[in-house]
Amino acid sequence: MKKRFTEEQIVRVLKEAESGMATRDVCRKHNISEQTFYRWKAKYAGMQVSDVKRLKELEHENDQLKKIVAELTLDNRMLKDVNSKKW
């Protein structure tokens, strides 16, 4: 499913609400539910656009590292199994 809003756009929407615009009006203007707004606020509150970009990079790096750990764990288990067999 394609996201309708980028992280940068989300931060801008949250900044509108922080500047004094009512939450309901911000949601109506951007055609989002209040539930979506508060979920975004929990994740991105207080962040700048550059912070969001850095967060995205770190999440990507974390995913790559998790894959590497999983592969190495499988390799390790396989080598232990081969080594434990008696010839």
PDB file of N, CA and C in Angstrom:
ATOM      1  N   MET A   1       0.843  -1.175   0.000  1.00  0.00           N
ATOM      2  CA  MET A   1       0.000   0.000   0.000  1.00  0.00           C
ATOM      3  C   MET A   1       0.893   1.246   0.000  1.00  0.00           C
ATOM      4  N   LYS A   2       0.616   2.156  -0.894  1.00  0.00           N
ATOM      5  CA  LYS A   2       1.409   3.372  -1.022  1.00  0.00           C
ATOM      6  C   LYS A   2       0.976   4.372   0.043  1.00  0.00           C
ATOM      7  N   LYS A   3       1.966   4.980   0.670  1.00  0.00           N
ATOM      8  CA  LYS A   3       1.665   6.002   1.664  1.00  0.00           C
ATOM      9  C   LYS A   3       1.208   7.269   0.957  1.00  0.00           C
ATOM     10  N   ARG A   4       0.227   7.922   1.533  1.00  0.00           N
ATOM     11  CA  ARG A   4      -0.253   9.174   0.950  1.00  0.00           C
ATOM     12  C   ARG A   4       0.632  10.344   1.321  1.00  0.00           C
ATOM     13  N   PHE A   5       1.256  10.269   2.478  1.00  0.00           N
ATOM     14  CA  PHE A   5       2.065  11.377   2.970  1.00  0.00           C
ATOM     15  C   PHE A   5       3.483  10.896   3.246  1.00  0.00           C
ATOM     16  N   THR A   6       4.452  11.697   2.848  1.00  0.00           N
ATOM     17  CA  THR A   6       5.835  11.406   3.205  1.00  0.00           C
ATOM     18  C   THR A   6       6.060  11.852   4.645  1.00  0.00           C
ATOM     19  N   GLU A   7       7.164  11.419   5.218  1.00  0.00           N
ATOM     20  CA  GLU A   7       7.476  11.825   6.583  1.00  0.00           C
ATOM     21  C   GLU A   7       7.635  13.339   6.680  1.00  0.00           C
ATOM     22  N   GLU A   8       8.205  13.938   5.650  1.00  0.00           N
ATOM     23  CA  GLU A   8       8.387  15.391   5.638  1.00  0.00           C
ATOM     24  C   GLU A   8       7.040  16.111   5.650  1.00  0.00           C
ATOM     25  N   GLN A   9       6.090  15.594   4.875  1.00  0.00           N
ATOM     26  CA  GLN A   9       4.757  16.192   4.847  1.00  0.00           C
ATOM     27  C   GLN A   9       4.062  16.038   6.201  1.00  0.00           C
ATOM     28  N   ILE A  10       4.269  14.897   6.836  1.00  0.00           N
ATOM     29  CA  ILE A  10       3.663  14.657   8.145  1.00  0.00           C
ATOM     30  C   ILE A  10       4.174  15.674   9.158  1.00  0.00           C
ATOM     31  N   VAL A  11       5.486  15.924   9.142  1.00  0.00           N
ATOM     32  CA  VAL A  11       6.062  16.906  10.068  1.00  0.00           C
ATOM     33  C   VAL A  11       5.458  18.281   9.819  1.00  0.00           C
ATOM     34  N   ARG A  12       5.252  18.633   8.561  1.00  0.00           N
ATOM     35  CA  ARG A  12       4.658  19.939   8.248  1.00  0.00           C
ATOM     36  C   ARG A  12       3.217  20.028   8.760  1.00  0.00           C
ATOM     37  N   VAL A  13       2.469  18.942   8.629  1.00  0.00           N
ATOM     38  CA  VAL A  13       1.093  18.917   9.141  1.00  0.00           C
ATOM     39  C   VAL A  13       1.106  19.115  10.657  1.00  0.00           C
ATOM     40  N   LEU A  14       2.004  18.435  11.340  1.00  0.00           N
ATOM     41  CA  LEU A  14       2.093  18.573  12.796  1.00  0.00           C
ATOM     42  C   LEU A  14       2.506  19.982  13.202  1.00  0.00           C
ATOM     43  N   LYS A  15       3.364  20.612  12.411  1.00  0.00           N
ATOM     44  CA  LYS A  15       3.787  21.987  12.700  1.00  0.00           C
ATOM     45  C   LYS A  15       2.599  22.946  12.610  1.00  0.00           C
ATOM     46  N   GLU A  16       1.682  22.684  11.675  1.00  0.00           N
ATOM     47  CA  GLU A  16       0.485  23.522  11.564  1.00  0.00           C
ATOM     48  C   GLU A  16      -0.311  23.479  12.863  1.00  0.00           C
ATOM     49  N   ALA A  17      -0.465  22.274  13.412  1.00  0.00           N
ATOM     50  CA  ALA A  17      -1.221  22.134  14.660  1.00  0.00           C
ATOM     51  C   ALA A  17      -0.479  22.796  15.817  1.00  0.00           C
ATOM     52  N   GLU A  18       0.850  22.702  15.816  1.00  0.00           N
ATOM     53  CA  GLU A  18       1.639  23.328  16.883  1.00  0.00           C
ATOM     54  C   GLU A  18       1.561  24.851  16.820  1.00  0.00           C
ATOM     55  N   SER A  19       1.337  25.384  15.625  1.00  0.00           N
ATOM     56  CA  SER A  19       1.296  26.843  15.471  1.00  0.00           C
ATOM     57  C   SER A  19      -0.016  27.449  15.963  1.00  0.00           C
ATOM     58  N   GLY A  20      -0.932  26.608  16.413  1.00  0.00           N
ATOM     59  CA  GLY A  20      -2.156  27.134  16.996  1.00  0.00           C
ATOM     60  C   GLY A  20      -3.426  26.746  16.263  1.00  0.00           C
ATOM     61  N   MET A  21      -3.310  26.161  15.107  1.00  0.00           N
ATOM     62  CA  MET A  21      -4.492  25.733  14.362  1.00  0.00           C
ATOM     63  C   MET A  21      -5.123  24.544  15.093  1.00  0.00           C
ATOM     64  N   ALA A  22      -6.430  24.506  15.160  1.00  0.00           N
ATOM     65  CA  ALA A  22      -7.129  23.432  15.859  1.00  0.00           C
ATOM     66  C   ALA A  22      -6.885  22.092  15.168  1.00  0.00           C
ATOM     67  N   THR A  23      -6.760  21.051  15.980  1.00  0.00           N
ATOM     68  CA  THR A  23      -6.489  19.712  15.450  1.00  0.00           C
ATOM     69  C   THR A  23      -7.553  19.291  14.447  1.00  0.00           C
ATOM     70  N   ARG A  24      -8.794  19.533  14.789  1.00  0.00           N
ATOM     71  CA  ARG A  24      -9.890  19.152  13.900  1.00  0.00           C
ATOM     72  C   ARG A  24      -9.775  19.866  12.550  1.00  0.00           C
ATOM     73  N   ASP A  25      -9.388  21.142  12.574  1.00  0.00           N
ATOM     74  CA  ASP A  25      -9.239  21.909  11.333  1.00  0.00           C
ATOM     75  C   ASP A  25      -8.064  21.403  10.500  1.00  0.00           C
ATOM     76  N   VAL A  26      -6.971  21.060  11.168  1.00  0.00           N
ATOM     77  CA  VAL A  26      -5.804  20.513  10.458  1.00  0.00           C
ATOM     78  C   VAL A  26      -6.181  19.193   9.788  1.00  0.00           C
ATOM     79  N   CYS A  27      -6.895  18.354  10.523  1.00  0.00           N
ATOM     80  CA  CYS A  27      -7.309  17.056   9.973  1.00  0.00           C
ATOM     81  C   CYS A  27      -8.234  17.234   8.777  1.00  0.00           C
ATOM     82  N   ARG A  28      -9.161  18.152   8.893  1.00  0.00           N
ATOM     83  CA  ARG A  28     -10.095  18.404   7.801  1.00  0.00           C
ATOM     84  C   ARG A  28      -9.360  18.952   6.579  1.00  0.00           C
ATOM     85  N   LYS A  29      -8.419  19.872   6.808  1.00  0.00           N
ATOM     86  CA  LYS A  29      -7.669  20.492   5.716  1.00  0.00           C
ATOM     87  C   LYS A  29      -6.877  19.453   4.919  1.00  0.00           C
ATOM     88  N   HIS A  30      -6.291  18.481   5.619  1.00  0.00           N
ATOM     89  CA  HIS A  30      -5.438  17.491   4.954  1.00  0.00           C
ATOM     90  C   HIS A  30      -6.153  16.165   4.708  1.00  0.00           C
ATOM     91  N   ASN A  31      -7.438  16.127   5.034  1.00  0.00           N
ATOM     92  CA  ASN A  31      -8.276  14.953   4.795  1.00  0.00           C
ATOM     93  C   ASN A  31      -7.707  13.706   5.484  1.00  0.00           C
ATOM     94  N   ILE A  32      -7.410  13.844   6.777  1.00  0.00           N
ATOM     95  CA  ILE A  32      -6.942  12.722   7.581  1.00  0.00           C
ATOM     96  C   ILE A  32      -7.829  12.609   8.813  1.00  0.00           C
ATOM     97  N   SER A  33      -7.846  11.425   9.409  1.00  0.00           N
ATOM     98  CA  SER A  33      -8.639  11.242  10.628  1.00  0.00           C
ATOM     99  C   SER A  33      -7.847  11.756  11.829  1.00  0.00           C
ATOM    100  N   GLU A  34      -8.565  12.040  12.895  1.00  0.00           N
ATOM    101  CA  GLU A  34      -7.890  12.481  14.114  1.00  0.00           C
ATOM    102  C   GLU A  34      -7.026  11.361  14.673  1.00  0.00           C
ATOM    103  N   GLN A  35      -7.459  10.129  14.494  1.00  0.00           N
ATOM    104  CA  GLN A  35      -6.667   8.982  14.943  1.00  0.00           C
ATOM    105  C   GLN A  35      -5.315   8.958  14.231  1.00  0.00           C
ATOM    106  N   THR A  36      -5.332   9.195  12.927  1.00  0.00           N
ATOM    107  CA  THR A  36      -4.086   9.260  12.159  1.00  0.00           C
ATOM    108  C   THR A  36      -3.218  10.401  12.661  1.00  0.00           C
ATOM    109  N   PHE A  37      -3.824  11.547  12.891  1.00  0.00           N
ATOM    110  CA  PHE A  37      -3.082  12.707  13.386  1.00  0.00           C
ATOM    111  C   PHE A  37      -2.369  12.383  14.697  1.00  0.00           C
ATOM    112  N   TYR A  38      -3.082  11.780  15.641  1.00  0.00           N
ATOM    113  CA  TYR A  38      -2.482  11.491  16.941  1.00  0.00           C
ATOM    114  C   TYR A  38      -1.436  10.378  16.852  1.00  0.00           C
ATOM    115  N   ARG A  39      -1.616   9.449  15.930  1.00  0.00           N
ATOM    116  CA  ARG A  39      -0.590   8.418  15.714  1.00  0.00           C
ATOM    117  C   ARG A  39       0.686   9.063  15.183  1.00  0.00           C
ATOM    118  N   TRP A  40       0.537   9.984  14.218  1.00  0.00           N
ATOM    119  CA  TRP A  40       1.690  10.727  13.694  1.00  0.00           C
ATOM    120  C   TRP A  40       2.342  11.536  14.804  1.00  0.00           C
ATOM    121  N   LYS A  41       1.513  12.168  15.619  1.00  0.00           N
ATOM    122  CA  LYS A  41       2.036  13.018  16.689  1.00  0.00           C
ATOM    123  C   LYS A  41       2.860  12.195  17.675  1.00  0.00           C
ATOM    124  N   ALA A  42       2.400  10.989  17.980  1.00  0.00           N
ATOM    125  CA  ALA A  42       3.144  10.123  18.906  1.00  0.00           C
ATOM    126  C   ALA A  42       4.501   9.741  18.333  1.00  0.00           C
ATOM    127  N   LYS A  43       4.560   9.578  17.027  1.00  0.00           N
ATOM    128  CA  LYS A  43       5.812   9.137  16.402  1.00  0.00           C
ATOM    129  C   LYS A  43       6.738  10.295  16.039  1.00  0.00           C
ATOM    130  N   TYR A  44       6.195  11.399  15.554  1.00  0.00           N
ATOM    131  CA  TYR A  44       7.017  12.467  14.980  1.00  0.00           C
ATOM    132  C   TYR A  44       7.003  13.784  15.751  1.00  0.00           C
ATOM    133  N   ALA A  45       6.344  13.845  16.895  1.00  0.00           N
ATOM    134  CA  ALA A  45       6.224  15.114  17.624  1.00  0.00           C
ATOM    135  C   ALA A  45       7.593  15.690  17.966  1.00  0.00           C
ATOM    136  N   GLY A  46       7.759  16.973  17.711  1.00  0.00           N
ATOM    137  CA  GLY A  46       8.991  17.668  18.048  1.00  0.00           C
ATOM    138  C   GLY A  46      10.132  17.475  17.073  1.00  0.00           C
ATOM    139  N   MET A  47       9.908  16.717  16.021  1.00  0.00           N
ATOM    140  CA  MET A  47      10.981  16.457  15.057  1.00  0.00           C
ATOM    141  C   MET A  47      11.009  17.511  13.961  1.00  0.00           C
ATOM    142  N   GLN A  48      12.190  17.718  13.440  1.00  0.00           N
ATOM    143  CA  GLN A  48      12.370  18.548  12.255  1.00  0.00           C
ATOM    144  C   GLN A  48      12.431  17.614  11.053  1.00  0.00           C
ATOM    145  N   VAL A  49      12.346  18.172   9.865  1.00  0.00           N
ATOM    146  CA  VAL A  49      12.395  17.366   8.643  1.00  0.00           C
ATOM    147  C   VAL A  49      13.709  16.587   8.586  1.00  0.00           C
ATOM    148  N   SER A  50      14.812  17.215   8.970  1.00  0.00           N
ATOM    149  CA  SER A  50      16.107  16.524   8.935  1.00  0.00           C
ATOM    150  C   SER A  50      16.137  15.358   9.925  1.00  0.00           C
ATOM    151  N   ASP A  51      15.462  15.515  11.065  1.00  0.00           N
ATOM    152  CA  ASP A  51      15.392  14.423  12.041  1.00  0.00           C
ATOM    153  C   ASP A  51      14.637  13.233  11.469  1.00  0.00           C
ATOM    154  N   VAL A  52      13.576  13.515  10.732  1.00  0.00           N
ATOM    155  CA  VAL A  52      12.768  12.451  10.150  1.00  0.00           C
ATOM    156  C   VAL A  52      13.576  11.697   9.099  1.00  0.00           C
ATOM    157  N   LYS A  53      14.334  12.426   8.294  1.00  0.00           N
ATOM    158  CA  LYS A  53      15.176  11.769   7.293  1.00  0.00           C
ATOM    159  C   LYS A  53      16.197  10.868   7.972  1.00  0.00           C
ATOM    160  N   ARG A  54      16.792  11.351   9.055  1.00  0.00           N
ATOM    161  CA  ARG A  54      17.785  10.555   9.791  1.00  0.00           C
ATOM    162  C   ARG A  54      17.124   9.327  10.405  1.00  0.00           C
ATOM    163  N   LEU A  55      15.916   9.479  10.952  1.00  0.00           N
ATOM    164  CA  LEU A  55      15.181   8.353  11.513  1.00  0.00           C
ATOM    165  C   LEU A  55      14.933   7.294  10.447  1.00  0.00           C
ATOM    166  N   LYS A  56      14.538   7.730   9.270  1.00  0.00           N
ATOM    167  CA  LYS A  56      14.270   6.808   8.172  1.00  0.00           C
ATOM    168  C   LYS A  56      15.542   6.044   7.785  1.00  0.00           C
ATOM    169  N   GLU A  57      16.677   6.754   7.727  1.00  0.00           N
ATOM    170  CA  GLU A  57      17.952   6.108   7.411  1.00  0.00           C
ATOM    171  C   GLU A  57      18.323   5.076   8.475  1.00  0.00           C
ATOM    172  N   LEU A  58      18.124   5.434   9.737  1.00  0.00           N
ATOM    173  CA  LEU A  58      18.455   4.517  10.822  1.00  0.00           C
ATOM    174  C   LEU A  58      17.555   3.281  10.816  1.00  0.00           C
ATOM    175  N   GLU A  59      16.274   3.465  10.510  1.00  0.00           N
ATOM    176  CA  GLU A  59      15.367   2.320  10.425  1.00  0.00           C
ATOM    177  C   GLU A  59      15.786   1.384   9.300  1.00  0.00           C
ATOM    178  N   HIS A  60      16.199   1.956   8.170  1.00  0.00           N
ATOM    179  CA  HIS A  60      16.660   1.145   7.043  1.00  0.00           C
ATOM    180  C   HIS A  60      17.931   0.372   7.425  1.00  0.00           C
ATOM    181  N   GLU A  61      18.864   1.057   8.057  1.00  0.00           N
ATOM    182  CA  GLU A  61      20.106   0.410   8.486  1.00  0.00           C
ATOM    183  C   GLU A  61      19.814  -0.700   9.492  1.00  0.00           C
ATOM    184  N   ASN A  62      18.890  -0.455  10.407  1.00  0.00           N
ATOM    185  CA  ASN A  62      18.509  -1.452  11.397  1.00  0.00           C
ATOM    186  C   ASN A  62      17.927  -2.697  10.728  1.00  0.00           C
ATOM    187  N   ASP A  63      17.083  -2.509   9.722  1.00  0.00           N
ATOM    188  CA  ASP A  63      16.516  -3.643   8.990  1.00  0.00           C
ATOM    189  C   ASP A  63      17.610  -4.467   8.324  1.00  0.00           C
ATOM    190  N   GLN A  64      18.578  -3.786   7.708  1.00  0.00           N
ATOM    191  CA  GLN A  64      19.680  -4.495   7.061  1.00  0.00           C
ATOM    192  C   GLN A  64      20.493  -5.289   8.080  1.00  0.00           C
ATOM    193  N   LEU A  65      20.766  -4.692   9.227  1.00  0.00           N
ATOM    194  CA  LEU A  65      21.539  -5.386  10.259  1.00  0.00           C
ATOM    195  C   LEU A  65      20.788  -6.596  10.812  1.00  0.00           C
ATOM    196  N   LYS A  66      19.482  -6.485  10.951  1.00  0.00           N
ATOM    197  CA  LYS A  66      18.688  -7.624  11.412  1.00  0.00           C
ATOM    198  C   LYS A  66      18.769  -8.781  10.423  1.00  0.00           C
ATOM    199  N   LYS A  67      18.741  -8.476   9.127  1.00  0.00           N
ATOM    200  CA  LYS A  67      18.861  -9.522   8.108  1.00  0.00           C
ATOM    201  C   LYS A  67      20.229 -10.190   8.177  1.00  0.00           C
ATOM    202  N   ILE A  68      21.268  -9.400   8.369  1.00  0.00           N
ATOM    203  CA  ILE A  68      22.621  -9.949   8.466  1.00  0.00           C
ATOM    204  C   ILE A  68      22.739 -10.866   9.678  1.00  0.00           C
ATOM    205  N   VAL A  69      22.205 -10.431  10.813  1.00  0.00           N
ATOM    206  CA  VAL A  69      22.249 -11.257  12.023  1.00  0.00           C
ATOM    207  C   VAL A  69      21.497 -12.566  11.797  1.00  0.00           C
ATOM    208  N   ALA A  70      20.351 -12.510  11.152  1.00  0.00           N
ATOM    209  CA  ALA A  70      19.573 -13.720  10.886  1.00  0.00           C
ATOM    210  C   ALA A  70      20.357 -14.683   9.997  1.00  0.00           C
ATOM    211  N   GLU A  71      20.991 -14.170   8.950  1.00  0.00           N
ATOM    212  CA  GLU A  71      21.781 -15.020   8.057  1.00  0.00           C
ATOM    213  C   GLU A  71      22.955 -15.651   8.795  1.00  0.00           C
ATOM    214  N   LEU A  72      23.655 -14.861   9.599  1.00  0.00           N
ATOM    215  CA  LEU A  72      24.802 -15.387  10.339  1.00  0.00           C
ATOM    216  C   LEU A  72      24.377 -16.414  11.384  1.00  0.00           C
ATOM    217  N   THR A  73      23.221 -16.214  11.985  1.00  0.00           N
ATOM    218  CA  THR A  73      22.709 -17.181  12.951  1.00  0.00           C
ATOM    219  C   THR A  73      22.423 -18.510  12.268  1.00  0.00           C
ATOM    220  N   LEU A  74      21.824 -18.457  11.089  1.00  0.00           N
ATOM    221  CA  LEU A  74      21.561 -19.688  10.341  1.00  0.00           C
ATOM    222  C   LEU A  74      22.857 -20.378   9.941  1.00  0.00           C
ATOM    223  N   ASP A  75      23.829 -19.603   9.471  1.00  0.00           N
ATOM    224  CA  ASP A  75      25.126 -20.179   9.103  1.00  0.00           C
ATOM    225  C   ASP A  75      25.782 -20.840  10.312  1.00  0.00           C
ATOM    226  N   ASN A  76      25.742 -20.173  11.438  1.00  0.00           N
ATOM    227  CA  ASN A  76      26.338 -20.703  12.661  1.00  0.00           C
ATOM    228  C   ASN A  76      25.667 -22.008  13.069  1.00  0.00           C
ATOM    229  N   ARG A  77      24.356 -22.031  13.037  1.00  0.00           N
ATOM    230  CA  ARG A  77      23.614 -23.239  13.403  1.00  0.00           C
ATOM    231  C   ARG A  77      23.951 -24.387  12.460  1.00  0.00           C
ATOM    232  N   MET A  78      24.038 -24.085  11.157  1.00  0.00           N
ATOM    233  CA  MET A  78      24.363 -25.109  10.171  1.00  0.00           C
ATOM    234  C   MET A  78      25.760 -25.676  10.436  1.00  0.00           C
ATOM    235  N   LEU A  79      26.720 -24.821  10.711  1.00  0.00           N
ATOM    236  CA  LEU A  79      28.084 -25.280  10.977  1.00  0.00           C
ATOM    237  C   LEU A  79      28.156 -26.116  12.255  1.00  0.00           C
ATOM    238  N   LYS A  80      27.393 -25.741  13.260  1.00  0.00           N
ATOM    239  CA  LYS A  80      27.361 -26.535  14.490  1.00  0.00           C
ATOM    240  C   LYS A  80      26.765 -27.912  14.232  1.00  0.00           C
ATOM    241  N   ASP A  81      25.715 -27.964  13.409  1.00  0.00           N
ATOM    242  CA  ASP A  81      25.106 -29.252  13.077  1.00  0.00           C
ATOM    243  C   ASP A  81      26.081 -30.142  12.322  1.00  0.00           C
ATOM    244  N   VAL A  82      26.790 -29.579  11.370  1.00  0.00           N
ATOM    245  CA  VAL A  82      27.753 -30.350  10.584  1.00  0.00           C
ATOM    246  C   VAL A  82      28.893 -30.822  11.482  1.00  0.00           C
ATOM    247  N   ASN A  83      29.350 -29.969  12.354  1.00  0.00           N
ATOM    248  CA  ASN A  83      30.470 -30.296  13.233  1.00  0.00           C
ATOM    249  C   ASN A  83      30.092 -31.346  14.277  1.00  0.00           C
ATOM    250  N   SER A  84      28.842 -31.372  14.693  1.00  0.00           N
ATOM    251  CA  SER A  84      28.431 -32.299  15.745  1.00  0.00           C
ATOM    252  C   SER A  84      28.195 -33.720  15.230  1.00  0.00           C
ATOM    253  N   LYS A  85      28.070 -33.903  13.935  1.00  0.00           N
ATOM    254  CA  LYS A  85      27.854 -35.243  13.375  1.00  0.00           C
ATOM    255  C   LYS A  85      29.142 -36.045  13.485  1.00  0.00           C
ATOM    256  N   LYS A  86      29.002 -37.297  13.838  1.00  0.00           N
ATOM    257  CA  LYS A  86      30.175 -38.161  13.973  1.00  0.00           C
ATOM    258  C   LYS A  86      30.397 -38.892  12.664  1.00  0.00           C
ATOM    259  N   TRP A  87      31.620 -38.904  12.245  1.00  0.00           N
ATOM    260  CA  TRP A  87      31.950 -39.535  10.963  1.00  0.00           C
ATOM    261  C   TRP A  87      32.435 -40.911  11.191  1.00  0.00           C
TER     262      TRP A  87
END
